[in-house]
């Protein structure tokens, strides 16, 4: 059974690449979409650059993202919450 180990305080994910964050230099991030609608999440290698990768996060869903510690995340909606986590078995 996989368990989630919180490593930071949950924060609102930014809504633009110019204010994107690495989520405390996380390599594993737990995302939660608190909205009743799907939204797009984007990942980039630096603040202010265009999205390198995107995916749709369904309404009321949780997803774990593995990334480099310097990669930044942002979302199209202010409803996405993010926290640095570790996963254990």
N, C-alpha and C. Protein backbone atom coordinates (compact mmCIF):
# COMPACT_ATOMS: atom_id res chain seq x y z
N UNK A 1 0.84 -1.18 0.00
CA UNK A 1 0.00 0.00 0.00
C UNK A 1 0.89 1.25 0.00
N UNK A 2 0.68 2.12 -0.96
CA UNK A 2 1.44 3.36 -1.04
C UNK A 2 0.94 4.37 -0.02
N UNK A 3 1.88 5.06 0.63
CA UNK A 3 1.53 6.11 1.59
C UNK A 3 2.19 7.40 1.16
N UNK A 4 1.55 8.52 1.51
CA UNK A 4 2.07 9.84 1.15
C UNK A 4 2.65 10.49 2.39
N UNK A 5 3.89 10.98 2.28
CA UNK A 5 4.55 11.67 3.38
C UNK A 5 4.62 13.16 3.04
N UNK A 6 3.83 14.01 3.72
CA UNK A 6 3.87 15.45 3.46
C UNK A 6 5.24 16.03 3.85
N UNK A 7 5.80 16.87 2.96
CA UNK A 7 7.10 17.48 3.22
C UNK A 7 7.05 19.01 3.16
N UNK A 8 5.86 19.57 2.91
CA UNK A 8 5.69 21.02 2.90
C UNK A 8 4.24 21.36 3.19
N UNK A 9 4.00 22.63 3.42
CA UNK A 9 2.63 23.11 3.60
C UNK A 9 1.97 23.18 2.23
N UNK A 10 0.71 22.78 2.16
CA UNK A 10 -0.03 22.87 0.90
C UNK A 10 -0.19 24.34 0.51
N UNK A 11 -0.04 24.62 -0.78
CA UNK A 11 -0.17 25.99 -1.27
C UNK A 11 -1.00 26.01 -2.54
N UNK A 12 -1.54 27.19 -2.86
CA UNK A 12 -2.26 27.35 -4.12
C UNK A 12 -1.26 27.38 -5.25
N UNK A 13 -1.52 26.64 -6.30
CA UNK A 13 -0.64 26.65 -7.45
C UNK A 13 -0.86 27.94 -8.23
N UNK A 14 0.22 28.55 -8.69
CA UNK A 14 0.14 29.79 -9.46
C UNK A 14 -0.67 29.58 -10.74
N UNK A 15 -1.16 30.68 -11.30
CA UNK A 15 -1.98 30.58 -12.51
C UNK A 15 -1.28 31.15 -13.75
N UNK A 16 0.03 31.39 -13.66
CA UNK A 16 0.78 31.84 -14.83
C UNK A 16 2.23 31.37 -14.72
N UNK A 17 2.89 31.29 -15.86
CA UNK A 17 4.29 30.84 -15.86
C UNK A 17 5.19 31.85 -15.15
N UNK A 18 4.80 33.12 -15.16
CA UNK A 18 5.61 34.16 -14.51
C UNK A 18 5.61 34.07 -13.00
N UNK A 19 4.63 33.38 -12.44
CA UNK A 19 4.59 33.21 -10.99
C UNK A 19 4.61 31.74 -10.58
N UNK A 20 4.97 30.86 -11.51
CA UNK A 20 5.08 29.43 -11.21
C UNK A 20 6.11 29.17 -10.14
N UNK A 21 6.01 28.02 -9.51
CA UNK A 21 6.88 27.68 -8.39
C UNK A 21 7.38 26.25 -8.48
N UNK A 22 8.53 26.02 -7.85
CA UNK A 22 9.08 24.66 -7.81
C UNK A 22 8.48 23.86 -6.66
N UNK A 23 7.61 24.45 -5.87
CA UNK A 23 6.99 23.83 -4.70
C UNK A 23 8.09 23.34 -3.75
N UNK A 24 8.85 24.29 -3.21
CA UNK A 24 9.93 23.99 -2.26
C UNK A 24 10.98 23.05 -2.84
N UNK A 25 11.30 23.24 -4.12
CA UNK A 25 12.29 22.40 -4.83
C UNK A 25 11.92 20.92 -4.80
N UNK A 26 10.65 20.65 -4.89
CA UNK A 26 10.14 19.27 -4.82
C UNK A 26 10.50 18.46 -6.06
N UNK A 27 10.72 17.17 -5.86
CA UNK A 27 10.86 16.24 -6.98
C UNK A 27 9.60 15.39 -7.13
N UNK A 28 8.74 15.42 -6.11
CA UNK A 28 7.44 14.76 -6.17
C UNK A 28 6.41 15.71 -5.56
N UNK A 29 5.36 16.01 -6.32
CA UNK A 29 4.35 16.97 -5.90
C UNK A 29 2.98 16.33 -5.95
N UNK A 30 2.20 16.52 -4.87
CA UNK A 30 0.80 16.09 -4.84
C UNK A 30 -0.04 17.27 -5.27
N UNK A 31 -0.86 17.08 -6.30
CA UNK A 31 -1.77 18.11 -6.78
C UNK A 31 -3.20 17.70 -6.48
N UNK A 32 -4.02 18.67 -6.07
CA UNK A 32 -5.44 18.43 -5.84
C UNK A 32 -6.23 19.52 -6.53
N UNK A 33 -7.14 19.15 -7.41
CA UNK A 33 -8.01 20.10 -8.08
C UNK A 33 -9.31 20.18 -7.30
N UNK A 34 -9.49 21.27 -6.56
CA UNK A 34 -10.67 21.45 -5.71
C UNK A 34 -11.89 21.94 -6.47
N UNK A 35 -11.76 22.20 -7.74
CA UNK A 35 -12.87 22.73 -8.54
C UNK A 35 -13.78 21.62 -9.06
N UNK A 36 -14.95 22.03 -9.48
CA UNK A 36 -15.90 21.10 -10.07
C UNK A 36 -15.70 20.92 -11.56
N UNK A 37 -14.58 21.44 -12.08
CA UNK A 37 -14.28 21.31 -13.51
C UNK A 37 -12.81 20.95 -13.69
N UNK A 38 -12.51 20.29 -14.78
CA UNK A 38 -11.12 19.93 -15.10
C UNK A 38 -10.33 21.21 -15.37
N UNK A 39 -9.01 21.14 -15.17
CA UNK A 39 -8.14 22.26 -15.47
C UNK A 39 -6.82 21.75 -16.03
N UNK A 40 -6.09 22.62 -16.69
CA UNK A 40 -4.80 22.27 -17.26
C UNK A 40 -3.69 22.62 -16.29
N UNK A 41 -2.75 21.69 -16.11
CA UNK A 41 -1.55 21.92 -15.29
C UNK A 41 -0.36 21.94 -16.25
N UNK A 42 0.55 22.87 -16.00
CA UNK A 42 1.72 23.02 -16.88
C UNK A 42 3.02 22.89 -16.08
N UNK A 43 4.04 22.36 -16.72
CA UNK A 43 5.37 22.22 -16.13
C UNK A 43 6.37 22.85 -17.07
N UNK A 44 7.32 23.60 -16.52
CA UNK A 44 8.35 24.24 -17.31
C UNK A 44 9.67 24.17 -16.58
N UNK A 45 10.75 24.43 -17.29
CA UNK A 45 12.08 24.37 -16.69
C UNK A 45 12.51 25.66 -16.01
N UNK A 46 11.79 26.78 -16.27
CA UNK A 46 12.13 28.05 -15.62
C UNK A 46 10.94 28.98 -15.54
N UNK A 47 10.96 29.88 -14.56
CA UNK A 47 9.89 30.85 -14.37
C UNK A 47 9.80 31.76 -15.60
N UNK A 48 8.59 31.96 -16.08
CA UNK A 48 8.37 32.85 -17.19
C UNK A 48 8.45 32.23 -18.57
N UNK A 49 8.99 31.02 -18.66
CA UNK A 49 9.06 30.38 -19.98
C UNK A 49 7.76 29.66 -20.29
N UNK A 50 7.54 29.38 -21.55
CA UNK A 50 6.31 28.70 -21.94
C UNK A 50 6.31 27.27 -21.42
N UNK A 51 5.14 26.69 -21.38
CA UNK A 51 4.99 25.34 -20.85
C UNK A 51 5.74 24.32 -21.69
N UNK A 52 6.50 23.49 -21.03
CA UNK A 52 7.18 22.40 -21.71
C UNK A 52 6.26 21.19 -21.83
N UNK A 53 5.44 20.98 -20.80
CA UNK A 53 4.53 19.84 -20.75
C UNK A 53 3.24 20.29 -20.09
N UNK A 54 2.13 19.74 -20.52
CA UNK A 54 0.83 20.02 -19.90
C UNK A 54 0.03 18.74 -19.79
N UNK A 55 -0.92 18.74 -18.85
CA UNK A 55 -1.88 17.65 -18.76
C UNK A 55 -3.15 18.18 -18.12
N UNK A 56 -4.24 17.47 -18.32
CA UNK A 56 -5.52 17.85 -17.74
C UNK A 56 -5.70 17.14 -16.41
N UNK A 57 -6.00 17.93 -15.38
CA UNK A 57 -6.28 17.40 -14.05
C UNK A 57 -7.80 17.42 -13.88
N UNK A 58 -8.44 16.25 -13.78
CA UNK A 58 -9.90 16.20 -13.68
C UNK A 58 -10.43 16.91 -12.43
N UNK A 59 -11.70 17.24 -12.45
CA UNK A 59 -12.37 17.85 -11.30
C UNK A 59 -12.23 16.98 -10.06
N UNK A 60 -11.95 17.61 -8.93
CA UNK A 60 -11.87 16.94 -7.63
C UNK A 60 -10.91 15.75 -7.61
N UNK A 61 -9.85 15.83 -8.40
CA UNK A 61 -8.90 14.73 -8.52
C UNK A 61 -7.58 15.04 -7.84
N UNK A 62 -6.87 13.96 -7.48
CA UNK A 62 -5.52 14.05 -6.93
C UNK A 62 -4.58 13.39 -7.93
N UNK A 63 -3.44 14.03 -8.15
CA UNK A 63 -2.42 13.47 -9.04
C UNK A 63 -1.05 13.74 -8.43
N UNK A 64 -0.12 12.82 -8.65
CA UNK A 64 1.26 13.00 -8.21
C UNK A 64 2.13 13.26 -9.43
N UNK A 65 2.98 14.29 -9.35
CA UNK A 65 3.85 14.65 -10.45
C UNK A 65 5.30 14.48 -10.02
N UNK A 66 6.05 13.74 -10.81
CA UNK A 66 7.49 13.61 -10.58
C UNK A 66 8.19 14.59 -11.52
N UNK A 67 9.12 15.38 -10.97
CA UNK A 67 9.77 16.42 -11.75
C UNK A 67 11.17 16.68 -11.21
N UNK A 68 11.96 17.47 -11.93
CA UNK A 68 13.25 17.92 -11.41
C UNK A 68 13.01 18.97 -10.33
N UNK A 69 13.93 19.10 -9.40
CA UNK A 69 13.74 20.03 -8.29
C UNK A 69 13.64 21.49 -8.74
N UNK A 70 14.17 21.81 -9.92
CA UNK A 70 14.12 23.19 -10.42
C UNK A 70 12.96 23.45 -11.37
N UNK A 71 12.25 22.42 -11.80
CA UNK A 71 11.08 22.60 -12.66
C UNK A 71 9.98 23.33 -11.90
N UNK A 72 9.21 24.13 -12.62
CA UNK A 72 8.11 24.86 -11.98
C UNK A 72 6.77 24.37 -12.51
N UNK A 73 5.74 24.58 -11.70
CA UNK A 73 4.38 24.19 -12.04
C UNK A 73 3.46 25.39 -11.94
N UNK A 74 2.42 25.39 -12.77
CA UNK A 74 1.32 26.32 -12.62
C UNK A 74 0.10 25.70 -13.28
N UNK A 75 -1.07 26.30 -13.03
CA UNK A 75 -2.32 25.74 -13.55
C UNK A 75 -3.18 26.84 -14.16
N UNK A 76 -4.12 26.44 -14.99
CA UNK A 76 -5.04 27.39 -15.61
C UNK A 76 -6.11 27.87 -14.64
N UNK A 77 -6.24 27.21 -13.50
CA UNK A 77 -7.26 27.55 -12.50
C UNK A 77 -6.62 27.72 -11.13
N UNK A 78 -7.14 28.67 -10.36
CA UNK A 78 -6.64 28.92 -9.01
C UNK A 78 -7.11 27.84 -8.02
N UNK A 79 -7.85 26.87 -8.49
CA UNK A 79 -8.39 25.84 -7.60
C UNK A 79 -7.41 24.70 -7.31
N UNK A 80 -6.24 24.70 -7.94
CA UNK A 80 -5.29 23.60 -7.76
C UNK A 80 -4.37 23.87 -6.57
N UNK A 81 -4.34 22.91 -5.65
CA UNK A 81 -3.48 22.97 -4.48
C UNK A 81 -2.28 22.05 -4.70
N UNK A 82 -1.12 22.42 -4.16
CA UNK A 82 0.09 21.63 -4.37
C UNK A 82 0.89 21.52 -3.08
N UNK A 83 1.53 20.38 -2.88
CA UNK A 83 2.44 20.21 -1.75
C UNK A 83 3.54 19.22 -2.11
N UNK A 84 4.71 19.48 -1.57
CA UNK A 84 5.86 18.61 -1.73
C UNK A 84 5.62 17.36 -0.90
N UNK A 85 5.80 16.20 -1.50
CA UNK A 85 5.55 14.93 -0.80
C UNK A 85 6.62 13.91 -1.13
N UNK A 86 6.69 12.89 -0.31
CA UNK A 86 7.45 11.70 -0.58
C UNK A 86 6.47 10.53 -0.60
N UNK A 87 6.76 9.53 -1.37
CA UNK A 87 5.90 8.34 -1.42
C UNK A 87 6.63 7.16 -0.82
N UNK A 88 5.93 6.40 -0.01
CA UNK A 88 6.51 5.22 0.62
C UNK A 88 5.65 4.01 0.33
N UNK A 89 6.23 2.84 0.45
CA UNK A 89 5.49 1.59 0.27
C UNK A 89 5.29 0.91 1.58
